[in-house]
N, C-alpha and C. Protein backbone atom coordinates (compact mmCIF):
# COMPACT_ATOMS: atom_id res chain seq x y z
N MET A 1 23.52 -24.66 16.98
CA MET A 1 23.75 -24.18 15.78
C MET A 1 24.46 -22.70 15.78
N LYS A 2 25.48 -22.79 15.16
CA LYS A 2 26.22 -21.33 15.04
C LYS A 2 25.40 -20.35 14.28
N THR A 3 25.55 -19.11 14.69
CA THR A 3 25.09 -17.90 14.13
C THR A 3 25.95 -17.05 13.51
N ALA A 4 25.53 -16.26 12.53
CA ALA A 4 26.34 -15.20 12.08
C ALA A 4 25.72 -13.97 12.06
N MET A 5 26.47 -12.78 12.17
CA MET A 5 25.86 -11.52 12.14
C MET A 5 25.82 -10.96 10.70
N ILE A 6 24.68 -10.45 10.20
CA ILE A 6 24.65 -9.98 8.97
C ILE A 6 24.37 -8.36 9.40
N ASN A 7 25.11 -7.59 8.75
CA ASN A 7 24.81 -6.12 8.91
C ASN A 7 24.23 -5.55 7.47
N ILE A 8 23.08 -4.96 7.60
CA ILE A 8 22.52 -4.37 6.35
C ILE A 8 22.10 -2.85 6.64
N LYS A 9 22.12 -2.05 5.58
CA LYS A 9 21.61 -0.76 5.81
C LYS A 9 20.29 -0.41 5.36
N THR A 10 19.53 0.14 6.00
CA THR A 10 18.05 0.35 5.47
C THR A 10 17.68 1.64 6.36
N GLU A 11 16.49 2.44 5.76
CA GLU A 11 16.12 3.55 6.43
C GLU A 11 15.59 3.21 7.63
N THR A 12 15.83 4.17 8.62
CA THR A 12 15.29 3.98 9.96
C THR A 12 13.84 3.46 10.05
N HIS A 13 12.92 4.38 9.25
CA HIS A 13 11.48 3.97 9.35
C HIS A 13 11.16 2.70 8.77
N VAL A 14 11.99 2.16 7.74
CA VAL A 14 11.72 0.85 7.22
C VAL A 14 11.94 -0.28 8.36
N LYS A 15 13.09 -0.07 9.04
CA LYS A 15 13.41 -1.10 10.11
C LYS A 15 12.27 -0.98 11.19
N ALA A 16 11.95 0.14 11.69
CA ALA A 16 10.90 0.40 12.56
C ALA A 16 9.61 -0.38 12.23
N GLU A 17 9.18 -0.14 11.08
CA GLU A 17 7.99 -0.66 10.58
C GLU A 17 7.95 -2.17 10.29
N ALA A 18 9.03 -2.56 9.92
CA ALA A 18 9.21 -4.08 9.89
C ALA A 18 9.32 -4.84 11.21
N GLN A 19 10.00 -4.12 12.15
CA GLN A 19 9.96 -4.61 13.46
C GLN A 19 8.49 -4.64 14.00
N LYS A 20 7.78 -3.63 13.87
CA LYS A 20 6.48 -3.58 14.29
C LYS A 20 5.49 -4.78 13.61
N LEU A 21 5.69 -4.77 12.37
CA LEU A 21 4.77 -5.87 11.76
C LEU A 21 5.24 -7.10 12.27
N ALA A 22 6.69 -7.48 12.32
CA ALA A 22 7.10 -8.89 12.59
C ALA A 22 6.47 -9.05 14.15
N LYS A 23 6.60 -8.09 15.10
CA LYS A 23 6.02 -8.21 16.41
C LYS A 23 4.49 -8.58 16.36
N GLU A 24 3.79 -7.77 15.54
CA GLU A 24 2.35 -8.10 15.42
C GLU A 24 2.04 -9.44 14.92
N LEU A 25 3.05 -10.09 14.09
CA LEU A 25 2.80 -11.49 13.64
C LEU A 25 3.37 -12.61 14.78
N GLY A 26 3.82 -12.03 15.73
CA GLY A 26 4.55 -12.83 16.75
C GLY A 26 6.03 -13.38 16.43
N PHE A 27 6.75 -12.73 15.67
CA PHE A 27 8.16 -13.04 15.26
C PHE A 27 9.12 -11.80 15.61
N SER A 28 10.34 -12.22 15.70
CA SER A 28 11.39 -11.12 15.73
C SER A 28 11.69 -10.83 14.21
N LEU A 29 12.28 -9.66 14.06
CA LEU A 29 12.75 -9.25 12.55
C LEU A 29 13.71 -10.27 12.23
N SER A 30 14.69 -10.57 13.13
CA SER A 30 15.77 -11.50 12.91
C SER A 30 15.15 -12.91 12.24
N SER A 31 14.09 -13.40 12.80
CA SER A 31 13.47 -14.64 12.51
C SER A 31 12.78 -14.36 11.08
N ILE A 32 12.40 -13.26 10.83
CA ILE A 32 11.64 -13.14 9.57
C ILE A 32 12.85 -13.06 8.36
N VAL A 33 13.99 -12.28 8.75
CA VAL A 33 15.00 -12.38 7.82
C VAL A 33 15.58 -13.75 7.65
N THR A 34 15.79 -14.43 8.64
CA THR A 34 16.24 -15.86 8.54
C THR A 34 15.37 -16.75 7.67
N ALA A 35 14.10 -16.60 7.89
CA ALA A 35 13.30 -17.45 7.16
C ALA A 35 13.24 -17.12 5.68
N SER A 36 13.26 -15.75 5.36
CA SER A 36 13.45 -15.32 4.04
C SER A 36 14.73 -15.66 3.40
N LEU A 37 15.90 -15.75 4.10
CA LEU A 37 17.06 -16.32 3.37
C LEU A 37 16.97 -17.81 3.24
N LYS A 38 16.40 -18.53 4.21
CA LYS A 38 16.33 -19.90 3.96
C LYS A 38 15.30 -20.28 2.71
N GLN A 39 14.27 -19.51 2.54
CA GLN A 39 13.42 -19.69 1.46
C GLN A 39 14.04 -19.33 0.11
N PHE A 40 14.99 -18.26 0.16
CA PHE A 40 15.76 -18.05 -1.00
C PHE A 40 16.71 -19.17 -1.52
N ILE A 41 17.49 -19.74 -0.47
CA ILE A 41 18.38 -20.76 -0.70
C ILE A 41 17.48 -21.98 -1.28
N ARG A 42 16.35 -22.40 -0.62
CA ARG A 42 15.72 -23.65 -0.82
C ARG A 42 15.07 -23.26 -2.44
N THR A 43 14.53 -22.27 -2.66
CA THR A 43 13.82 -22.10 -3.97
C THR A 43 14.68 -21.44 -5.07
N ARG A 44 15.72 -20.89 -4.63
CA ARG A 44 16.60 -20.08 -5.66
C ARG A 44 15.83 -19.05 -6.36
N GLU A 45 14.83 -18.58 -5.64
CA GLU A 45 13.94 -17.43 -6.22
C GLU A 45 13.83 -16.37 -5.13
N VAL A 46 13.51 -15.23 -5.67
CA VAL A 46 13.19 -13.90 -4.86
C VAL A 46 11.78 -13.52 -5.21
N GLN A 47 10.92 -13.54 -4.37
CA GLN A 47 9.40 -13.15 -4.70
C GLN A 47 9.10 -11.88 -3.89
N PHE A 48 8.52 -10.95 -4.57
CA PHE A 48 8.08 -9.86 -4.04
C PHE A 48 6.36 -9.71 -4.19
N SER A 49 5.75 -9.38 -3.24
CA SER A 49 4.38 -9.26 -3.42
C SER A 49 3.88 -7.85 -2.75
N MET A 50 2.85 -7.42 -3.08
CA MET A 50 2.28 -6.37 -2.26
C MET A 50 0.91 -6.46 -2.23
N SER A 51 0.29 -6.80 -1.26
CA SER A 51 -1.01 -6.84 -1.17
C SER A 51 -1.62 -5.21 -1.36
N HIS A 52 -2.66 -5.21 -1.87
CA HIS A 52 -3.42 -3.90 -2.08
C HIS A 52 -4.06 -3.49 -0.84
N LYS A 53 -3.52 -2.42 -0.22
CA LYS A 53 -4.16 -1.96 1.06
C LYS A 53 -4.14 -0.28 0.88
N MET A 54 -5.26 0.12 1.13
CA MET A 54 -5.50 1.70 1.08
C MET A 54 -4.85 2.36 2.21
N THR A 55 -4.25 3.33 2.00
CA THR A 55 -3.80 4.27 3.10
C THR A 55 -5.05 4.99 3.85
N PRO A 56 -4.88 5.23 4.99
CA PRO A 56 -5.87 5.91 5.80
C PRO A 56 -6.53 7.14 5.18
N TYR A 57 -5.55 7.90 4.33
CA TYR A 57 -5.93 9.16 3.72
C TYR A 57 -6.66 8.72 2.50
N LEU A 58 -6.48 7.75 1.77
CA LEU A 58 -7.18 7.36 0.44
C LEU A 58 -8.63 6.85 1.03
N GLU A 59 -8.61 5.95 2.06
CA GLU A 59 -9.87 5.56 2.73
C GLU A 59 -10.90 6.72 3.16
N GLY A 60 -10.22 7.82 3.60
CA GLY A 60 -11.15 9.02 3.90
C GLY A 60 -11.73 9.67 2.74
N ILE A 61 -10.58 9.82 1.63
CA ILE A 61 -11.22 10.39 0.59
C ILE A 61 -12.47 9.59 -0.14
N LEU A 62 -12.26 8.31 -0.13
CA LEU A 62 -13.23 7.41 -0.80
C LEU A 62 -14.57 7.43 -0.05
N LYS A 63 -14.45 7.59 1.30
CA LYS A 63 -15.62 7.74 2.14
C LYS A 63 -16.38 9.05 1.79
N GLN A 64 -15.63 10.13 1.49
CA GLN A 64 -16.18 11.44 1.20
C GLN A 64 -16.79 11.35 -0.18
N VAL A 65 -16.21 10.71 -1.07
CA VAL A 65 -16.78 10.44 -2.48
C VAL A 65 -18.05 9.66 -2.26
N ASP A 66 -18.12 8.59 -1.52
CA ASP A 66 -19.33 7.84 -1.27
C ASP A 66 -20.57 8.78 -0.79
N LYS A 67 -20.16 9.54 0.14
CA LYS A 67 -21.18 10.43 0.81
C LYS A 67 -21.63 11.34 -0.32
N ASP A 68 -20.68 11.93 -1.10
CA ASP A 68 -21.12 12.80 -2.28
C ASP A 68 -22.04 12.21 -3.31
N ILE A 69 -21.69 11.01 -3.64
CA ILE A 69 -22.49 10.43 -4.60
C ILE A 69 -23.88 10.06 -4.10
N LYS A 70 -23.89 9.72 -2.89
CA LYS A 70 -25.35 9.44 -2.29
C LYS A 70 -26.06 10.72 -2.12
N ALA A 71 -25.35 11.83 -1.80
CA ALA A 71 -26.14 13.19 -1.76
C ALA A 71 -26.08 13.83 -3.05
N ASN A 72 -25.80 13.05 -4.16
CA ASN A 72 -25.90 13.79 -5.50
C ASN A 72 -25.23 15.09 -5.48
N LYS A 73 -24.00 15.20 -4.73
CA LYS A 73 -23.26 16.46 -4.61
C LYS A 73 -21.89 16.26 -5.28
N ASN A 74 -21.38 17.39 -5.89
CA ASN A 74 -20.04 17.38 -6.48
C ASN A 74 -19.90 16.38 -7.58
N LEU A 75 -20.93 16.34 -8.39
CA LEU A 75 -20.96 15.37 -9.53
C LEU A 75 -21.25 16.23 -10.77
N SER A 76 -20.70 15.79 -11.92
CA SER A 76 -21.05 16.31 -13.12
C SER A 76 -21.87 15.27 -13.79
N LYS A 77 -22.57 15.69 -14.82
CA LYS A 77 -23.48 14.88 -15.53
C LYS A 77 -22.69 13.96 -16.56
N ASN A 78 -23.27 12.96 -17.02
CA ASN A 78 -22.62 12.09 -18.01
C ASN A 78 -22.54 12.95 -19.44
N PHE A 79 -21.45 12.85 -20.12
CA PHE A 79 -21.38 13.46 -21.40
C PHE A 79 -21.39 12.46 -22.41
N THR A 80 -21.92 12.82 -23.66
CA THR A 80 -22.04 12.00 -24.73
C THR A 80 -20.97 12.45 -25.94
N ASN A 81 -20.34 13.62 -25.80
CA ASN A 81 -19.42 14.03 -26.70
C ASN A 81 -18.42 14.99 -26.06
N ILE A 82 -17.46 15.52 -26.72
CA ILE A 82 -16.55 16.43 -26.32
C ILE A 82 -17.06 17.90 -26.18
N LYS A 83 -17.83 18.32 -27.13
CA LYS A 83 -18.46 19.59 -27.24
C LYS A 83 -19.26 19.75 -25.96
N GLU A 84 -20.03 18.76 -25.73
CA GLU A 84 -20.88 18.81 -24.43
C GLU A 84 -20.27 19.06 -23.23
N MET A 85 -19.11 18.26 -23.07
CA MET A 85 -18.17 18.45 -21.98
C MET A 85 -17.57 19.68 -21.95
N ASP A 86 -17.00 20.26 -23.08
CA ASP A 86 -16.45 21.71 -23.06
C ASP A 86 -17.44 22.74 -22.69
N SER A 87 -18.55 22.60 -23.17
CA SER A 87 -19.75 23.57 -22.83
C SER A 87 -19.84 23.54 -21.39
N TYR A 88 -19.95 22.40 -20.82
CA TYR A 88 -20.21 22.21 -19.23
C TYR A 88 -19.00 22.92 -18.46
N LEU A 89 -17.73 22.65 -18.89
CA LEU A 89 -16.73 23.15 -18.20
C LEU A 89 -16.49 24.65 -18.38
N ASP A 90 -17.00 25.21 -19.45
CA ASP A 90 -16.91 26.56 -19.71
C ASP A 90 -17.95 27.33 -18.72
N THR A 91 -19.05 26.61 -18.17
CA THR A 91 -19.88 27.24 -17.38
C THR A 91 -19.46 27.36 -15.81
N LEU A 92 -18.23 26.61 -15.56
CA LEU A 92 -17.91 26.53 -14.19
C LEU A 92 -17.01 27.70 -13.87
C-alpha cells in the first residue's frame, strides 16, 4: 500500500499530549490520524466528544470541600430569603 505524507500545523503541546495518549493506548499518532481519516471517509461525519474528567487541581479543591463539609467548616447557613442572606453577609 502506498502512503502519502500529510503535513499539519498544531501547537507543540497538543502534538506531545496526543503522542503520549496514543502511546498509552498502544498506537502511533500516525495510526490514530489514519483511523480517524478512514472513519471520516466511511461515515462522512466528523464527531467530537469529550469525556468529562476533572483536572488534578479541581480534584484537590473538591477534596478540600469534602473535608470542610465533614468538619462543618467554611460553610454558611441556608437562607430562606434575600434579606436574611444580606444580613449574614453584612456580618462578615
